[in-house]
């Protein structure tokens, strides 16, 4: 009886410690203009490759996504840009980060980036900094909402109907008419 009571108290204490240590990802809404102003680099391109790997101490999984740059809209980028983010899958181990960007090889994207380390970038504002470019039957390019997927940014306005915006109009607004 005494062992059962001790085990229950120990389990409750562990549960309280884990619950108090739990954290979530907080994404605050930013307008396209705020995204443009806060980013060091804004590029349009295609996902050329994706690979996940352990960091040097094997404590974190990182994902490197290579973007083949079609247009550099702010900052200087030619050829390919490496985008690094926390999370990914290596073997049978998956590390998931809420608010992180998901990628598909070959998808066309508009990215707002900030320096990560020399030679690489990270997406500015987590998933808010990635927009998937869609094309209609005539080849006109559009972006639809932010790339945040299931995460709803704090302070984001309510969306109504089709949120598709012509790509060049969106870029012009984001970069304050500097396109």
N, C-alpha and C. Protein backbone atom coordinates (compact mmCIF):
# COMPACT_ATOMS: atom_id res chain seq x y z
N UNK A 1 0.82 -1.19 0.00
CA UNK A 1 0.00 0.00 0.00
C UNK A 1 0.87 1.26 0.00
N UNK A 2 1.90 1.23 0.86
CA UNK A 2 2.78 2.38 0.96
C UNK A 2 3.51 2.62 -0.37
N UNK A 3 3.93 1.54 -1.06
CA UNK A 3 4.60 1.67 -2.35
C UNK A 3 3.68 2.30 -3.39
N UNK A 4 2.42 1.90 -3.41
CA UNK A 4 1.47 2.43 -4.37
C UNK A 4 1.27 3.93 -4.14
N UNK A 5 1.13 4.34 -2.89
CA UNK A 5 0.96 5.76 -2.58
C UNK A 5 2.20 6.55 -2.99
N UNK A 6 3.39 5.99 -2.72
CA UNK A 6 4.64 6.66 -3.10
C UNK A 6 4.74 6.78 -4.61
N UNK A 7 4.41 5.72 -5.34
CA UNK A 7 4.48 5.73 -6.80
C UNK A 7 3.51 6.76 -7.37
N UNK A 8 2.32 6.86 -6.78
CA UNK A 8 1.33 7.83 -7.27
C UNK A 8 1.81 9.26 -7.02
N UNK A 9 2.40 9.52 -5.84
CA UNK A 9 2.92 10.86 -5.56
C UNK A 9 4.09 11.20 -6.49
N UNK A 10 4.94 10.24 -6.73
CA UNK A 10 6.08 10.46 -7.63
C UNK A 10 5.59 10.75 -9.05
N UNK A 11 4.60 9.99 -9.52
CA UNK A 11 4.04 10.21 -10.86
C UNK A 11 3.40 11.59 -10.95
N UNK A 12 2.69 12.00 -9.92
CA UNK A 12 2.05 13.32 -9.91
C UNK A 12 3.10 14.43 -9.93
N UNK A 13 4.18 14.26 -9.17
CA UNK A 13 5.25 15.26 -9.14
C UNK A 13 5.92 15.38 -10.51
N UNK A 14 6.17 14.26 -11.15
CA UNK A 14 6.78 14.28 -12.48
C UNK A 14 5.85 14.95 -13.48
N UNK A 15 4.55 14.64 -13.40
CA UNK A 15 3.59 15.26 -14.31
C UNK A 15 3.55 16.77 -14.12
N UNK A 16 3.61 17.24 -12.88
CA UNK A 16 3.63 18.68 -12.62
C UNK A 16 4.89 19.33 -13.17
N UNK A 17 6.03 18.68 -13.00
CA UNK A 17 7.27 19.22 -13.53
C UNK A 17 7.23 19.32 -15.05
N UNK A 18 6.74 18.28 -15.69
CA UNK A 18 6.66 18.29 -17.14
C UNK A 18 5.67 19.34 -17.63
N UNK A 19 4.55 19.47 -16.97
CA UNK A 19 3.53 20.45 -17.39
C UNK A 19 4.05 21.86 -17.22
N UNK A 20 4.78 22.12 -16.13
CA UNK A 20 5.28 23.49 -15.92
C UNK A 20 6.40 23.83 -16.88
N UNK A 21 7.06 22.82 -17.43
CA UNK A 21 8.17 23.05 -18.35
C UNK A 21 7.70 23.10 -19.80
N UNK A 22 6.45 22.75 -20.05
CA UNK A 22 5.94 22.71 -21.43
C UNK A 22 5.90 24.12 -22.01
N UNK A 23 6.30 24.21 -23.27
CA UNK A 23 6.29 25.49 -23.95
C UNK A 23 5.68 25.31 -25.31
N UNK A 24 5.16 26.37 -25.86
CA UNK A 24 4.61 26.33 -27.20
C UNK A 24 5.29 27.37 -28.07
N UNK A 25 4.99 27.31 -29.34
CA UNK A 25 5.53 28.28 -30.27
C UNK A 25 4.55 29.42 -30.37
N UNK A 26 5.03 30.61 -30.23
CA UNK A 26 4.17 31.79 -30.33
C UNK A 26 4.51 32.53 -31.62
N UNK A 27 3.53 32.64 -32.49
CA UNK A 27 3.71 33.35 -33.76
C UNK A 27 2.81 34.57 -33.72
N UNK A 28 3.41 35.74 -33.84
CA UNK A 28 2.62 36.96 -33.84
C UNK A 28 2.42 37.43 -35.27
N UNK A 29 1.21 37.87 -35.56
CA UNK A 29 0.88 38.34 -36.91
C UNK A 29 1.77 39.51 -37.31
N UNK A 30 2.21 39.48 -38.55
CA UNK A 30 2.95 40.59 -39.15
C UNK A 30 2.35 40.86 -40.52
N UNK A 31 2.24 42.12 -40.87
CA UNK A 31 1.74 42.47 -42.20
C UNK A 31 2.85 42.18 -43.22
N UNK A 32 2.50 42.07 -44.50
CA UNK A 32 3.53 41.89 -45.52
C UNK A 32 4.60 42.98 -45.45
N UNK A 33 4.21 44.22 -45.19
CA UNK A 33 5.18 45.31 -45.10
C UNK A 33 6.13 45.10 -43.92
N UNK A 34 5.62 44.64 -42.78
CA UNK A 34 6.48 44.34 -41.63
C UNK A 34 7.43 43.18 -41.95
N UNK A 35 6.94 42.20 -42.69
CA UNK A 35 7.79 41.07 -43.10
C UNK A 35 8.92 41.57 -43.99
N UNK A 36 8.57 42.42 -44.96
CA UNK A 36 9.59 42.96 -45.86
C UNK A 36 10.62 43.79 -45.14
N UNK A 37 10.17 44.63 -44.21
CA UNK A 37 11.08 45.50 -43.47
C UNK A 37 12.00 44.71 -42.55
N UNK A 38 11.51 43.64 -41.96
CA UNK A 38 12.29 42.86 -41.00
C UNK A 38 13.22 41.84 -41.62
N UNK A 39 13.05 41.55 -42.88
CA UNK A 39 13.85 40.52 -43.55
C UNK A 39 15.12 41.10 -44.14
N UNK A 40 16.18 40.30 -44.09
CA UNK A 40 17.44 40.70 -44.72
C UNK A 40 17.45 40.32 -46.19
N UNK A 41 16.68 39.29 -46.55
CA UNK A 41 16.68 38.75 -47.90
C UNK A 41 15.26 38.31 -48.24
N UNK A 42 14.79 38.68 -49.43
CA UNK A 42 13.49 38.23 -49.93
C UNK A 42 13.74 37.64 -51.31
N UNK A 43 13.38 36.36 -51.49
CA UNK A 43 13.63 35.69 -52.76
C UNK A 43 12.39 34.93 -53.23
N UNK A 44 12.34 34.77 -54.55
CA UNK A 44 11.34 33.91 -55.17
C UNK A 44 12.12 32.79 -55.85
N UNK A 45 11.68 31.56 -55.67
CA UNK A 45 12.39 30.45 -56.28
C UNK A 45 11.67 29.14 -56.08
N UNK A 46 12.41 28.05 -56.27
CA UNK A 46 11.85 26.70 -56.14
C UNK A 46 12.68 25.88 -55.16
N UNK A 47 11.99 24.99 -54.46
CA UNK A 47 12.67 24.09 -53.53
C UNK A 47 13.44 23.07 -54.36
N UNK A 48 14.79 23.10 -54.25
CA UNK A 48 15.65 22.22 -55.04
C UNK A 48 16.02 20.95 -54.27
N UNK A 49 16.05 21.03 -52.95
CA UNK A 49 16.42 19.87 -52.16
C UNK A 49 16.15 20.08 -50.70
N UNK A 50 15.92 18.97 -49.98
CA UNK A 50 15.61 19.01 -48.55
C UNK A 50 16.39 17.88 -47.89
N UNK A 51 17.10 18.20 -46.79
CA UNK A 51 17.76 17.12 -46.04
C UNK A 51 17.74 17.47 -44.56
N UNK A 52 17.51 16.46 -43.75
CA UNK A 52 17.54 16.63 -42.30
C UNK A 52 18.76 15.91 -41.75
N UNK A 53 19.33 16.45 -40.66
CA UNK A 53 20.55 15.89 -40.10
C UNK A 53 20.66 16.26 -38.62
N UNK A 54 21.47 15.50 -37.89
CA UNK A 54 21.76 15.81 -36.50
C UNK A 54 22.77 16.94 -36.42
N UNK A 55 22.67 17.78 -35.39
CA UNK A 55 23.72 18.77 -35.16
C UNK A 55 24.96 18.02 -34.65
N UNK A 56 26.07 18.73 -34.46
CA UNK A 56 27.34 18.10 -34.09
C UNK A 56 27.30 17.33 -32.79
N UNK A 57 26.47 17.74 -31.83
CA UNK A 57 26.40 17.06 -30.54
C UNK A 57 25.24 16.06 -30.46
N UNK A 58 24.53 15.89 -31.58
CA UNK A 58 23.39 14.96 -31.67
C UNK A 58 22.31 15.27 -30.62
N UNK A 59 22.08 16.57 -30.38
CA UNK A 59 21.03 16.98 -29.45
C UNK A 59 19.83 17.57 -30.18
N UNK A 60 20.00 17.93 -31.45
CA UNK A 60 18.92 18.55 -32.22
C UNK A 60 18.97 18.04 -33.65
N UNK A 61 17.79 17.99 -34.26
CA UNK A 61 17.71 17.69 -35.69
C UNK A 61 17.43 19.00 -36.41
N UNK A 62 18.17 19.25 -37.46
CA UNK A 62 17.99 20.44 -38.29
C UNK A 62 17.61 20.00 -39.70
N UNK A 63 16.89 20.85 -40.40
CA UNK A 63 16.56 20.59 -41.80
C UNK A 63 17.12 21.72 -42.64
N UNK A 64 17.86 21.34 -43.67
CA UNK A 64 18.39 22.30 -44.64
C UNK A 64 17.58 22.15 -45.92
N UNK A 65 17.03 23.26 -46.37
CA UNK A 65 16.29 23.29 -47.63
C UNK A 65 17.04 24.20 -48.58
N UNK A 66 17.34 23.69 -49.76
CA UNK A 66 18.04 24.49 -50.77
C UNK A 66 17.00 25.08 -51.71
N UNK A 67 17.08 26.40 -51.89
CA UNK A 67 16.15 27.12 -52.76
C UNK A 67 16.91 27.58 -53.99
N UNK A 68 16.45 27.18 -55.15
CA UNK A 68 17.00 27.67 -56.42
C UNK A 68 16.35 29.02 -56.68
N UNK A 69 17.14 30.09 -56.62
CA UNK A 69 16.62 31.45 -56.68
C UNK A 69 16.34 31.88 -58.12
N UNK A 70 15.07 32.28 -58.37
CA UNK A 70 14.68 32.86 -59.66
C UNK A 70 14.83 34.38 -59.64
N UNK A 71 14.42 35.00 -58.51
CA UNK A 71 14.49 36.45 -58.35
C UNK A 71 14.89 36.79 -56.93
N UNK A 72 15.85 37.69 -56.80
CA UNK A 72 16.21 38.23 -55.50
C UNK A 72 15.55 39.60 -55.42
N UNK A 73 14.61 39.76 -54.51
CA UNK A 73 13.81 40.98 -54.42
C UNK A 73 14.32 41.97 -53.38
N UNK A 74 15.03 41.46 -52.39
CA UNK A 74 15.69 42.30 -51.38
C UNK A 74 16.95 41.57 -50.98
N UNK A 75 18.07 42.26 -50.96
CA UNK A 75 19.34 41.62 -50.67
C UNK A 75 19.90 40.96 -51.92
N UNK A 76 21.07 40.37 -51.77
CA UNK A 76 21.74 39.74 -52.91
C UNK A 76 21.76 38.23 -52.74
N UNK A 77 21.16 37.53 -53.69
CA UNK A 77 21.19 36.07 -53.69
C UNK A 77 21.21 35.61 -55.14
N UNK A 78 22.14 34.76 -55.44
CA UNK A 78 22.23 34.18 -56.77
C UNK A 78 22.33 32.68 -56.64
N UNK A 79 21.85 31.97 -57.63
CA UNK A 79 21.99 30.51 -57.63
C UNK A 79 21.10 29.85 -56.61
N UNK A 80 21.69 29.40 -55.52
CA UNK A 80 20.94 28.72 -54.46
C UNK A 80 21.14 29.39 -53.12
N UNK A 81 20.12 29.29 -52.28
CA UNK A 81 20.17 29.77 -50.91
C UNK A 81 19.87 28.59 -50.01
N UNK A 82 20.65 28.41 -48.95
CA UNK A 82 20.39 27.36 -47.96
C UNK A 82 19.55 27.95 -46.83
N UNK A 83 18.43 27.30 -46.53
CA UNK A 83 17.53 27.72 -45.46
C UNK A 83 17.55 26.62 -44.40
N UNK A 84 17.91 26.98 -43.17
CA UNK A 84 18.02 26.03 -42.07
C UNK A 84 16.90 26.28 -41.07
N UNK A 85 16.33 25.19 -40.55
CA UNK A 85 15.33 25.32 -39.49
C UNK A 85 15.45 24.14 -38.53
N UNK A 86 15.00 24.35 -37.32
CA UNK A 86 14.99 23.32 -36.29
C UNK A 86 13.87 22.33 -36.61
N UNK A 87 14.17 21.05 -36.46
CA UNK A 87 13.18 20.00 -36.66
C UNK A 87 13.45 19.21 -37.92
N UNK A 88 12.84 18.04 -37.98
CA UNK A 88 13.00 17.17 -39.14
C UNK A 88 13.01 15.71 -38.71
N UNK A 89 13.30 14.83 -39.64
CA UNK A 89 13.34 13.40 -39.37
C UNK A 89 14.66 12.82 -39.85
N UNK A 90 15.33 12.10 -38.95
CA UNK A 90 16.55 11.38 -39.29
C UNK A 90 16.35 9.94 -38.84
N UNK A 91 16.35 9.02 -39.80
CA UNK A 91 16.10 7.62 -39.47
C UNK A 91 14.71 7.47 -38.88
N UNK A 92 14.65 6.91 -37.67
CA UNK A 92 13.35 6.70 -37.01
C UNK A 92 13.06 7.78 -35.96
N UNK A 93 13.87 8.84 -35.95
CA UNK A 93 13.69 9.90 -34.96
C UNK A 93 13.14 11.15 -35.65
N UNK A 94 12.03 11.65 -35.10
CA UNK A 94 11.42 12.86 -35.66
C UNK A 94 11.38 13.93 -34.58
N UNK A 95 11.83 15.12 -34.93
CA UNK A 95 11.75 16.27 -34.04
C UNK A 95 10.83 17.29 -34.70
N UNK A 96 9.72 17.59 -34.04
CA UNK A 96 8.72 18.48 -34.62
C UNK A 96 8.72 19.80 -33.86
N UNK A 97 8.64 20.89 -34.62
CA UNK A 97 8.58 22.23 -34.04
C UNK A 97 7.33 22.90 -34.57
N UNK A 98 6.42 23.26 -33.65
CA UNK A 98 5.19 23.94 -34.07
C UNK A 98 5.55 25.28 -34.70
N UNK A 99 4.90 25.59 -35.81
CA UNK A 99 5.14 26.86 -36.49
C UNK A 99 6.27 26.79 -37.51
N UNK A 100 6.97 25.65 -37.56
CA UNK A 100 8.05 25.51 -38.53
C UNK A 100 7.46 25.33 -39.93
N UNK A 101 8.26 25.63 -40.92
CA UNK A 101 7.83 25.57 -42.32
C UNK A 101 7.85 24.12 -42.81
N UNK A 102 6.87 23.77 -43.63
CA UNK A 102 6.92 22.49 -44.32
C UNK A 102 7.30 22.77 -45.77
N UNK A 103 8.01 21.83 -46.37
CA UNK A 103 8.54 22.03 -47.71
C UNK A 103 8.15 20.87 -48.61
N UNK A 104 8.02 21.16 -49.91
CA UNK A 104 7.81 20.13 -50.92
C UNK A 104 8.80 20.38 -52.04
N UNK A 105 9.54 19.35 -52.39
CA UNK A 105 10.52 19.50 -53.47
C UNK A 105 9.80 19.97 -54.74
N UNK A 106 10.36 21.00 -55.38
CA UNK A 106 9.81 21.54 -56.62
C UNK A 106 8.79 22.66 -56.44
N UNK A 107 8.29 22.87 -55.21
CA UNK A 107 7.28 23.92 -55.03
C UNK A 107 7.90 25.29 -55.25
N UNK A 108 7.10 26.20 -55.82
CA UNK A 108 7.54 27.57 -56.04
C UNK A 108 7.16 28.38 -54.80
N UNK A 109 8.11 29.18 -54.30
CA UNK A 109 7.91 29.89 -53.04
C UNK A 109 8.41 31.32 -53.11
N UNK A 110 7.84 32.14 -52.25
CA UNK A 110 8.33 33.49 -51.97
C UNK A 110 8.74 33.43 -50.50
N UNK A 111 10.01 33.78 -50.21
CA UNK A 111 10.53 33.64 -48.85
C UNK A 111 11.07 34.96 -48.30
N UNK A 112 10.75 35.21 -47.04
CA UNK A 112 11.31 36.31 -46.28
C UNK A 112 12.33 35.67 -45.34
N UNK A 113 13.59 36.05 -45.47
CA UNK A 113 14.66 35.35 -44.75
C UNK A 113 15.49 36.29 -43.89
N UNK A 114 16.13 35.70 -42.86
CA UNK A 114 17.08 36.41 -42.02
C UNK A 114 18.30 35.52 -41.86
N UNK A 115 19.47 36.11 -41.59
CA UNK A 115 20.68 35.29 -41.45
C UNK A 115 20.54 34.25 -40.33
N UNK A 116 21.06 33.06 -40.59
CA UNK A 116 21.09 32.00 -39.58
C UNK A 116 22.52 31.86 -39.07
N UNK A 117 23.41 31.56 -39.97
CA UNK A 117 24.85 31.54 -39.73
C UNK A 117 25.50 31.83 -41.07
N UNK A 118 26.80 32.10 -41.11
CA UNK A 118 27.41 32.44 -42.40
C UNK A 118 27.08 31.43 -43.50
N UNK A 119 26.55 31.94 -44.60
CA UNK A 119 26.23 31.09 -45.74
C UNK A 119 24.85 30.47 -45.72
N UNK A 120 24.04 30.75 -44.69
CA UNK A 120 22.69 30.19 -44.65
C UNK A 120 21.73 31.17 -43.97
N UNK A 121 20.46 30.90 -44.17
CA UNK A 121 19.38 31.76 -43.66
C UNK A 121 18.36 30.91 -42.93
N UNK A 122 17.45 31.59 -42.23
CA UNK A 122 16.27 30.96 -41.67
C UNK A 122 15.07 31.78 -42.10
N UNK A 123 13.91 31.16 -42.09
CA UNK A 123 12.69 31.87 -42.50
C UNK A 123 12.32 32.86 -41.40
N UNK A 124 12.14 34.11 -41.80
CA UNK A 124 11.79 35.18 -40.87
C UNK A 124 10.35 34.98 -40.40
N UNK A 125 10.12 35.04 -39.09
CA UNK A 125 8.76 34.89 -38.56
C UNK A 125 8.25 33.48 -38.64
N UNK A 126 9.14 32.51 -38.56
CA UNK A 126 8.77 31.09 -38.71
C UNK A 126 7.95 30.91 -39.98
N UNK A 127 6.85 30.20 -39.89
CA UNK A 127 6.11 29.88 -41.12
C UNK A 127 5.41 31.09 -41.75
N UNK A 128 5.38 32.23 -41.07
CA UNK A 128 4.79 33.43 -41.68
C UNK A 128 5.63 33.93 -42.84
N UNK A 129 6.90 33.56 -42.87
CA UNK A 129 7.81 34.06 -43.89
C UNK A 129 7.88 33.23 -45.16
N UNK A 130 7.01 32.24 -45.28
CA UNK A 130 6.99 31.41 -46.49
C UNK A 130 5.61 31.51 -47.14
N UNK A 131 5.62 31.86 -48.42
CA UNK A 131 4.38 31.91 -49.20
C UNK A 131 4.54 30.99 -50.39
N UNK A 132 3.58 30.13 -50.59
CA UNK A 132 3.60 29.25 -51.75
C UNK A 132 3.05 30.03 -52.94
N UNK A 133 3.74 29.99 -54.06
CA UNK A 133 3.30 30.69 -55.27
C UNK A 133 2.42 29.73 -56.07
N UNK A 134 1.23 30.19 -56.42
CA UNK A 134 0.30 29.41 -57.24
C UNK A 134 0.17 30.11 -58.59
N UNK A 135 -0.05 29.33 -59.62
CA UNK A 135 -0.23 29.91 -60.96
C UNK A 135 -1.59 29.47 -61.51
N UNK A 136 -2.26 30.41 -62.20
CA UNK A 136 -3.54 30.07 -62.81
C UNK A 136 -3.29 29.50 -64.21
N UNK A 137 -4.34 29.22 -64.95
CA UNK A 137 -4.25 28.63 -66.28
C UNK A 137 -3.48 29.47 -67.28
N UNK A 138 -3.39 30.76 -67.05
CA UNK A 138 -2.65 31.66 -67.95
C UNK A 138 -1.22 31.93 -67.47
N UNK A 139 -0.83 31.28 -66.37
CA UNK A 139 0.52 31.45 -65.86
C UNK A 139 0.70 32.63 -64.91
N UNK A 140 -0.39 33.32 -64.57
CA UNK A 140 -0.28 34.44 -63.64
C UNK A 140 -0.01 33.90 -62.23
N UNK A 141 0.89 34.57 -61.52
CA UNK A 141 1.32 34.11 -60.20
C UNK A 141 0.56 34.81 -59.09
N UNK A 142 0.21 34.03 -58.06
CA UNK A 142 -0.53 34.51 -56.88
C UNK A 142 0.09 33.91 -55.63
N UNK A 143 -0.14 34.56 -54.48
CA UNK A 143 0.13 33.96 -53.18
C UNK A 143 -1.20 33.94 -52.43
N UNK A 144 -1.35 32.97 -51.56
CA UNK A 144 -2.59 32.83 -50.79
C UNK A 144 -2.25 32.80 -49.31
N UNK A 145 -2.64 33.84 -48.58
CA UNK A 145 -2.44 33.87 -47.14
C UNK A 145 -0.99 33.63 -46.75
N UNK A 146 -0.75 33.53 -45.49
CA UNK A 146 0.60 33.24 -45.01
C UNK A 146 0.82 31.75 -45.03
N UNK A 147 2.07 31.35 -44.98
CA UNK A 147 2.42 29.94 -45.03
C UNK A 147 2.30 29.25 -43.69
N UNK A 148 1.48 29.76 -42.76
CA UNK A 148 1.47 29.22 -41.41
C UNK A 148 0.65 27.96 -41.24
N UNK A 149 -0.06 27.51 -42.24
CA UNK A 149 -0.78 26.25 -42.13
C UNK A 149 -1.77 26.26 -40.99
N UNK A 150 -1.65 25.30 -40.06
CA UNK A 150 -2.62 25.15 -38.99
C UNK A 150 -2.43 26.19 -37.88
N UNK A 151 -1.26 26.77 -37.76
CA UNK A 151 -1.01 27.74 -36.70
C UNK A 151 -1.68 29.07 -37.06
N UNK A 152 -2.41 29.62 -36.13
CA UNK A 152 -3.03 30.93 -36.35
C UNK A 152 -2.22 31.98 -35.61
N UNK A 153 -1.61 32.91 -36.34
CA UNK A 153 -0.82 33.94 -35.68
C UNK A 153 -1.66 34.81 -34.76
N UNK A 154 -1.08 35.19 -33.61
CA UNK A 154 -1.78 36.06 -32.68
C UNK A 154 -1.99 37.42 -33.32
N UNK A 155 -3.22 37.93 -33.27
CA UNK A 155 -3.53 39.24 -33.81
C UNK A 155 -3.82 39.25 -35.30
N UNK A 156 -3.89 38.08 -35.94
CA UNK A 156 -4.17 38.03 -37.38
C UNK A 156 -5.62 38.41 -37.64
N UNK A 157 -5.87 39.19 -38.69
CA UNK A 157 -7.25 39.54 -39.01
C UNK A 157 -8.02 38.33 -39.52
N UNK A 158 -9.33 38.37 -39.38
CA UNK A 158 -10.19 37.30 -39.89
C UNK A 158 -10.07 37.24 -41.40
N UNK A 159 -10.07 36.03 -41.96
CA UNK A 159 -9.99 35.88 -43.41
C UNK A 159 -11.38 35.69 -43.98
N UNK A 160 -11.60 36.30 -45.12
CA UNK A 160 -12.89 36.17 -45.78
C UNK A 160 -12.67 35.71 -47.21
N UNK A 161 -13.40 34.67 -47.63
CA UNK A 161 -13.37 34.22 -49.02
C UNK A 161 -11.99 33.85 -49.52
N UNK A 162 -11.77 34.09 -50.81
CA UNK A 162 -10.52 33.76 -51.47
C UNK A 162 -9.46 34.79 -51.08
N UNK A 163 -8.39 34.33 -50.46
CA UNK A 163 -7.35 35.25 -50.01
C UNK A 163 -6.19 35.32 -51.01
N UNK A 164 -6.44 34.93 -52.26
CA UNK A 164 -5.40 34.97 -53.28
C UNK A 164 -5.09 36.41 -53.67
N UNK A 165 -3.79 36.72 -53.75
CA UNK A 165 -3.34 38.06 -54.11
C UNK A 165 -2.31 37.91 -55.23
N UNK A 166 -2.41 38.74 -56.29
CA UNK A 166 -1.39 38.67 -57.34
C UNK A 166 0.01 38.84 -56.74
N UNK A 167 0.93 37.99 -57.14
CA UNK A 167 2.28 37.97 -56.57
C UNK A 167 2.96 39.33 -56.64
N UNK A 168 2.97 39.97 -57.80
CA UNK A 168 3.68 41.25 -57.93
C UNK A 168 3.05 42.34 -57.06
N UNK A 169 1.73 42.33 -56.91
CA UNK A 169 1.06 43.30 -56.04
C UNK A 169 1.46 43.04 -54.58
N UNK A 170 1.51 41.78 -54.19
CA UNK A 170 1.90 41.41 -52.83
C UNK A 170 3.35 41.84 -52.56
N UNK A 171 4.25 41.55 -53.49
CA UNK A 171 5.66 41.92 -53.33
C UNK A 171 5.80 43.44 -53.24
N UNK A 172 5.08 44.17 -54.09
CA UNK A 172 5.13 45.63 -54.08
C UNK A 172 4.71 46.17 -52.72
N UNK A 173 3.65 45.59 -52.15
CA UNK A 173 3.19 46.02 -50.83
C UNK A 173 4.21 45.65 -49.77
N UNK A 174 4.73 44.43 -49.82
CA UNK A 174 5.67 43.96 -48.80
C UNK A 174 6.97 44.77 -48.81
N UNK A 175 7.40 45.20 -50.00
CA UNK A 175 8.65 45.92 -50.09
C UNK A 175 8.46 47.42 -50.25
N UNK A 176 7.27 47.89 -49.89
CA UNK A 176 6.96 49.32 -49.84
C UNK A 176 7.20 50.00 -51.19
N UNK A 177 6.78 49.33 -52.28
CA UNK A 177 6.88 49.92 -53.60
C UNK A 177 8.26 49.94 -54.20
N UNK A 178 9.21 49.20 -53.60
CA UNK A 178 10.59 49.20 -54.09
C UNK A 178 10.84 48.13 -55.13
N UNK A 179 9.83 47.51 -55.67
CA UNK A 179 10.05 46.46 -56.65
C UNK A 179 10.22 47.03 -58.03
